[in-house]
Amino acid sequence: MTNIHLPRYVKACAFTICISLTFACTSSKNLNKNYTYFQGELDTLTTQLKELSIQPGDLLSIVVYSKSLNQEQAAIFNIPNTGGTTTTSGAGGGVQGYQVSSAGVIDVPIIGGIKASGLTREQLQNLLVQKLNPYIKDPSVLVRFLQININILGEVRAPGVHSFKTDKITILDAISASGDLTDYGKREDIMVIREEGNVRKYYKINLTDGSFFRSPAYQLQPNDIVYVSANNAKLKTLNIDPEAQRKTGLLFTSISALLSVITLVVTLTK
């Protein structure tokens, strides 16, 4: 086989390009770590999702019925679930049910105002059964959340207010509902903003570390705000200098031309 003697400048260019490609591949491997969820060792733990307390602004479905054959006594108490109270908040449009007032009260036919804020669904059910005993024989009550809103902002594919019909919502449910993070989403820097009484609290979630399952913000609460920060790649994109971008384009054009020259030289020296 004939030895190929290339000019020094061609060898230097080839060496530079090889180093650049190696660096690019190494950087790519490092970047992949930033896109992987649940890294490291994951502990086996029991995750107990809590019963949420009812808050002002919540929309509740309250179904009342009698354990006896006579259901007519319960009919009037189910009116708000069939057309009495209506809200247009959230993605679901007009949803009907009992709206908890800003004072934390629901207005039940005949009975009047009942303080619901601060109670769990089960506690409200038991309270309503006591209040309904004079009007219904063997009353039974089923309370559920009709609509829990979570506001998801930042680097997700479908930002905005997302509504859920369950009171056991996790940060993963919210991210799934928003179409997952974009390529620019910072997996290790997700903030949950929560109003607790008159105090605003901030929780940080790192999806690349399995310990976030233990976070108080793993289970979301009504009206939580989830904000996904942009990673460095996005921030650099937003701050691009047009002149620098033009020079970068020229650099890649020059490299492409050099590769063509090297290919031609190698072909001619064979």
Protein backbone atom coordinates (compact mmCIF):
# COMPACT_ATOMS: atom_id res chain seq x y z
CA MET A 1 0.00 0.00 0.00
CA THR A 2 1.34 3.43 -0.97
CA ASN A 3 1.98 5.82 1.93
CA ILE A 4 0.04 9.08 1.61
CA HIS A 5 2.02 12.21 2.45
CA LEU A 6 -0.36 15.08 3.13
CA PRO A 7 0.71 18.71 3.47
CA ARG A 8 1.10 19.90 7.05
CA TYR A 9 -1.77 22.40 6.86
CA VAL A 10 -4.10 19.62 5.69
CA LYS A 11 -3.06 17.42 8.60
CA ALA A 12 -3.50 20.32 11.02
CA CYS A 13 -7.00 21.05 9.72
CA ALA A 14 -7.96 17.39 9.92
CA PHE A 15 -6.64 17.17 13.49
CA THR A 16 -8.57 20.29 14.50
CA ILE A 17 -11.79 18.96 13.03
CA CYS A 18 -11.33 15.59 14.78
CA ILE A 19 -10.79 17.32 18.13
CA SER A 20 -13.89 19.48 17.56
CA LEU A 21 -16.02 16.44 16.73
CA THR A 22 -14.72 14.56 19.78
CA PHE A 23 -15.55 17.52 22.03
CA ALA A 24 -19.02 17.78 20.49
CA CYS A 25 -19.69 14.08 21.12
CA THR A 26 -18.49 14.36 24.73
CA SER A 27 -20.67 17.41 25.30
CA SER A 28 -23.62 15.54 23.82
CA LYS A 29 -23.13 12.69 26.32
CA ASN A 30 -23.05 15.17 29.19
CA LEU A 31 -26.20 16.89 27.93
CA ASN A 32 -28.05 13.56 27.81
CA LYS A 33 -27.71 13.34 31.59
CA ASN A 34 -29.71 16.55 31.94
CA TYR A 35 -32.66 15.04 30.04
CA THR A 36 -32.99 11.81 32.03
CA TYR A 37 -35.50 11.53 34.86
CA PHE A 38 -34.98 9.51 38.07
CA GLN A 39 -31.20 9.23 38.00
CA GLY A 40 -29.13 7.58 40.72
CA GLU A 41 -30.31 4.98 43.19
CA LEU A 42 -34.04 4.91 43.86
CA ASP A 43 -35.18 3.94 47.33
CA THR A 44 -38.17 1.67 47.78
CA LEU A 45 -40.69 3.73 49.70
CA THR A 46 -44.41 3.84 50.30
CA THR A 47 -45.94 7.02 48.89
CA GLN A 48 -49.12 7.93 50.74
CA LEU A 49 -51.16 10.56 48.96
CA LYS A 50 -53.15 12.62 51.45
CA GLU A 51 -56.79 13.64 51.44
CA LEU A 52 -56.88 17.32 50.50
CA SER A 53 -58.76 19.91 52.51
CA ILE A 54 -61.51 21.82 50.75
CA GLN A 55 -60.52 25.42 49.97
CA PRO A 56 -62.42 28.57 48.93
CA GLY A 57 -63.08 28.52 45.20
CA ASP A 58 -63.28 24.71 44.96
CA LEU A 59 -66.11 23.25 42.91
CA LEU A 60 -67.77 20.24 44.54
CA SER A 61 -70.18 17.58 43.40
CA ILE A 62 -72.48 16.66 46.30
CA VAL A 63 -74.83 13.77 45.63
CA VAL A 64 -77.48 13.12 48.27
CA TYR A 65 -79.63 10.00 48.40
CA SER A 66 -81.61 7.94 50.86
CA LYS A 67 -80.83 4.39 51.84
CA SER A 68 -84.59 3.80 51.84
CA LEU A 69 -86.78 3.29 48.76
CA ASN A 70 -88.02 6.89 48.84
CA GLN A 71 -85.57 9.04 46.88
CA GLU A 72 -87.92 12.01 46.43
CA GLN A 73 -86.78 13.50 49.74
CA ALA A 74 -83.23 13.80 48.39
CA ALA A 75 -84.09 15.29 45.00
CA ILE A 76 -84.04 18.95 46.05
CA PHE A 77 -80.56 18.66 47.52
CA ASN A 78 -79.17 17.53 44.15
CA ILE A 79 -80.41 20.59 42.23
CA PRO A 80 -77.02 22.41 42.18
CA ASN A 81 -75.49 19.36 40.50
CA THR A 82 -78.02 19.50 37.65
CA GLY A 83 -78.27 23.19 36.88
CA GLY A 84 -78.27 25.34 40.01
CA THR A 85 -74.69 26.58 40.28
CA THR A 86 -72.45 27.06 37.28
CA THR A 87 -68.83 28.06 36.81
CA THR A 88 -66.88 28.69 33.62
CA SER A 89 -63.40 28.58 35.16
CA GLY A 90 -60.74 26.17 33.93
CA ALA A 91 -60.34 24.22 30.74
CA GLY A 92 -63.58 22.30 31.18
CA GLY A 93 -65.86 25.24 30.43
CA GLY A 94 -69.22 25.39 32.21
CA VAL A 95 -69.14 22.85 35.02
CA GLN A 96 -72.03 22.60 37.48
CA GLY A 97 -71.81 21.93 41.20
CA TYR A 98 -71.53 23.52 44.62
CA GLN A 99 -69.05 26.42 44.54
CA VAL A 100 -67.19 27.08 47.81
CA SER A 101 -67.40 30.82 48.49
CA SER A 102 -64.47 33.07 49.38
CA ALA A 103 -65.60 32.66 53.01
CA GLY A 104 -65.33 28.87 52.65
CA VAL A 105 -69.10 28.26 52.71
CA ILE A 106 -71.41 26.25 50.45
CA ASP A 107 -75.11 27.11 50.22
CA VAL A 108 -77.21 23.94 50.53
CA PRO A 109 -80.98 24.05 49.80
CA ILE A 110 -83.17 24.16 52.94
CA ILE A 111 -80.17 23.73 55.25
CA GLY A 112 -78.47 26.98 54.24
CA GLY A 113 -74.78 27.86 54.56
CA ILE A 114 -72.33 25.17 55.69
CA LYS A 115 -68.67 25.82 56.41
CA ALA A 116 -66.80 23.47 54.06
CA SER A 117 -63.36 25.09 53.90
CA GLY A 118 -60.74 23.18 55.88
CA LEU A 119 -62.68 19.91 55.83
CA THR A 120 -61.77 16.80 53.84
CA ARG A 121 -64.37 15.24 51.56
CA GLU A 122 -65.11 12.55 54.14
CA GLN A 123 -65.53 15.11 56.94
CA LEU A 124 -67.95 17.15 54.82
CA GLN A 125 -69.91 14.02 53.96
CA ASN A 126 -70.33 13.17 57.66
CA LEU A 127 -71.35 16.75 58.47
CA LEU A 128 -73.96 16.80 55.71
CA VAL A 129 -75.42 13.47 56.86
CA GLN A 130 -75.97 15.00 60.32
CA LYS A 131 -77.62 18.11 58.82
CA LEU A 132 -79.86 16.06 56.52
CA ASN A 133 -81.18 13.64 59.14
CA PRO A 134 -84.28 15.78 59.89
CA TYR A 135 -85.23 15.90 56.19
CA ILE A 136 -84.23 12.52 54.74
CA LYS A 137 -84.65 9.04 56.11
CA ASP A 138 -81.26 7.29 56.35
CA PRO A 139 -79.38 9.91 54.28
CA SER A 140 -76.13 9.19 52.52
CA VAL A 141 -73.83 11.74 50.87
CA LEU A 142 -71.07 11.45 48.30
CA VAL A 143 -68.73 14.44 47.90
CA ARG A 144 -66.05 14.74 45.24
CA PHE A 145 -64.01 17.48 43.62
CA LEU A 146 -65.38 18.44 40.22
CA GLN A 147 -62.45 20.53 39.11
CA ILE A 148 -59.01 21.17 40.58
CA ASN A 149 -56.96 23.70 38.62
CA ILE A 150 -53.18 23.60 38.37
CA ASN A 151 -51.38 26.40 36.49
CA ILE A 152 -48.36 25.07 34.58
CA LEU A 153 -45.95 27.62 33.10
CA GLY A 154 -42.54 27.79 31.46
CA GLU A 155 -40.82 25.19 29.31
CA VAL A 156 -43.66 22.69 28.82
CA ARG A 157 -45.32 21.77 25.54
CA ALA A 158 -48.85 22.82 26.62
CA PRO A 159 -48.65 25.57 29.25
CA GLY A 160 -51.73 26.99 30.93
CA VAL A 161 -54.39 26.02 33.45
CA HIS A 162 -55.07 22.29 33.54
CA SER A 163 -58.12 20.87 35.32
CA PHE A 164 -58.27 17.56 37.16
CA LYS A 165 -61.26 15.66 38.55
CA THR A 166 -59.34 13.95 41.33
CA ASP A 167 -57.95 15.37 44.54
CA LYS A 168 -54.80 13.23 44.38
CA ILE A 169 -52.63 14.95 41.77
CA THR A 170 -48.84 14.61 41.64
CA ILE A 171 -46.20 16.74 39.95
CA LEU A 172 -45.84 13.94 37.38
CA ASP A 173 -49.58 14.11 36.60
CA ALA A 174 -49.26 17.84 35.97
CA ILE A 175 -46.21 17.44 33.73
CA SER A 176 -47.94 14.67 31.79
CA ALA A 177 -51.06 16.83 31.33
CA SER A 178 -48.90 19.64 29.94
CA GLY A 179 -47.31 17.35 27.33
CA ASP A 180 -43.98 16.91 29.17
CA LEU A 181 -41.10 19.37 29.27
CA THR A 182 -39.66 20.83 26.08
CA ASP A 183 -36.05 20.17 25.13
CA TYR A 184 -35.22 23.49 26.77
CA GLY A 185 -36.89 22.61 30.11
CA LYS A 186 -34.55 22.43 33.09
CA ARG A 187 -35.36 19.07 34.65
CA GLU A 188 -33.47 19.86 37.84
CA ASP A 189 -35.14 23.24 38.44
CA ILE A 190 -38.93 23.04 38.66
CA MET A 191 -40.65 25.34 41.13
CA VAL A 192 -44.01 24.79 42.79
CA ILE A 193 -45.62 27.93 44.20
CA ARG A 194 -48.34 27.33 46.79
CA GLU A 195 -50.63 29.51 48.88
CA GLU A 196 -51.04 28.12 52.39
CA GLY A 197 -53.33 30.38 54.37
CA ASN A 198 -51.85 33.84 54.00
CA VAL A 199 -48.36 32.51 53.31
CA ARG A 200 -46.87 31.89 49.88
CA LYS A 201 -44.43 28.96 49.86
CA TYR A 202 -41.92 27.87 47.23
CA TYR A 203 -40.76 24.30 46.64
CA LYS A 204 -38.03 23.16 44.27
CA ILE A 205 -38.36 19.86 42.39
CA ASN A 206 -35.45 18.05 40.73
CA LEU A 207 -36.81 15.41 38.36
CA THR A 208 -33.34 13.97 37.77
CA ASP A 209 -33.14 12.96 41.44
CA GLY A 210 -35.59 10.35 42.71
CA SER A 211 -35.69 11.97 46.15
CA PHE A 212 -38.35 14.42 44.87
CA PHE A 213 -40.94 11.73 45.69
CA ARG A 214 -40.45 12.78 49.34
CA SER A 215 -41.04 16.47 48.64
CA PRO A 216 -44.13 18.17 50.14
CA ALA A 217 -44.77 19.42 46.59
CA TYR A 218 -44.85 15.92 45.06
CA GLN A 219 -48.60 15.90 45.67
CA LEU A 220 -50.08 19.09 44.29
CA GLN A 221 -52.87 21.12 45.83
CA PRO A 222 -55.63 23.19 44.19
CA ASN A 223 -54.39 26.35 42.46
CA ASP A 224 -50.71 25.41 42.74
CA ILE A 225 -48.43 27.04 40.17
CA VAL A 226 -45.81 24.83 38.52
CA TYR A 227 -43.02 26.71 36.77
CA VAL A 228 -40.37 24.97 34.63
CA SER A 229 -37.19 27.00 34.17
CA ALA A 230 -35.34 27.27 30.86
CA ASN A 231 -31.94 25.61 30.60
CA ASN A 232 -28.72 27.34 29.56
CA ALA A 233 -29.18 26.37 25.92
CA LYS A 234 -32.47 28.29 25.76
CA LEU A 235 -31.04 31.30 27.60
CA LYS A 236 -28.10 31.44 25.20
CA THR A 237 -30.49 31.22 22.26
CA LEU A 238 -32.47 34.18 23.56
CA ASN A 239 -29.30 36.26 23.92
CA ILE A 240 -27.80 35.49 20.50
CA ASP A 241 -25.90 38.35 18.89
CA PRO A 242 -26.85 38.55 15.17
CA GLU A 243 -23.23 39.35 14.25
CA ALA A 244 -21.97 36.39 16.29
CA GLN A 245 -24.58 34.20 14.62
CA ARG A 246 -23.36 35.36 11.18
CA LYS A 247 -19.74 34.61 12.11
CA THR A 248 -20.75 31.17 13.38
CA GLY A 249 -22.44 30.46 10.06
CA LEU A 250 -19.32 31.55 8.18
CA LEU A 251 -17.18 29.32 10.42
CA PHE A 252 -19.24 26.23 9.64
CA THR A 253 -19.16 27.12 5.94
CA SER A 254 -15.35 27.35 6.10
CA ILE A 255 -15.08 24.02 7.89
CA SER A 256 -17.28 22.44 5.23
CA ALA A 257 -15.04 23.88 2.53
CA LEU A 258 -11.91 22.56 4.29
CA LEU A 259 -13.41 19.09 4.46
CA SER A 260 -14.07 19.23 0.72
CA VAL A 261 -10.46 20.30 0.07
CA ILE A 262 -9.08 17.51 2.27
CA THR A 263 -11.23 14.95 0.49
CA LEU A 264 -10.02 16.21 -2.89
CA VAL A 265 -6.33 16.15 -1.83
CA VAL A 266 -6.62 12.61 -0.46
CA THR A 267 -8.28 11.48 -3.67
CA LEU A 268 -5.56 13.06 -5.88
CA THR A 269 -2.66 11.61 -3.88
CA LYS A 270 -3.90 8.05 -4.17
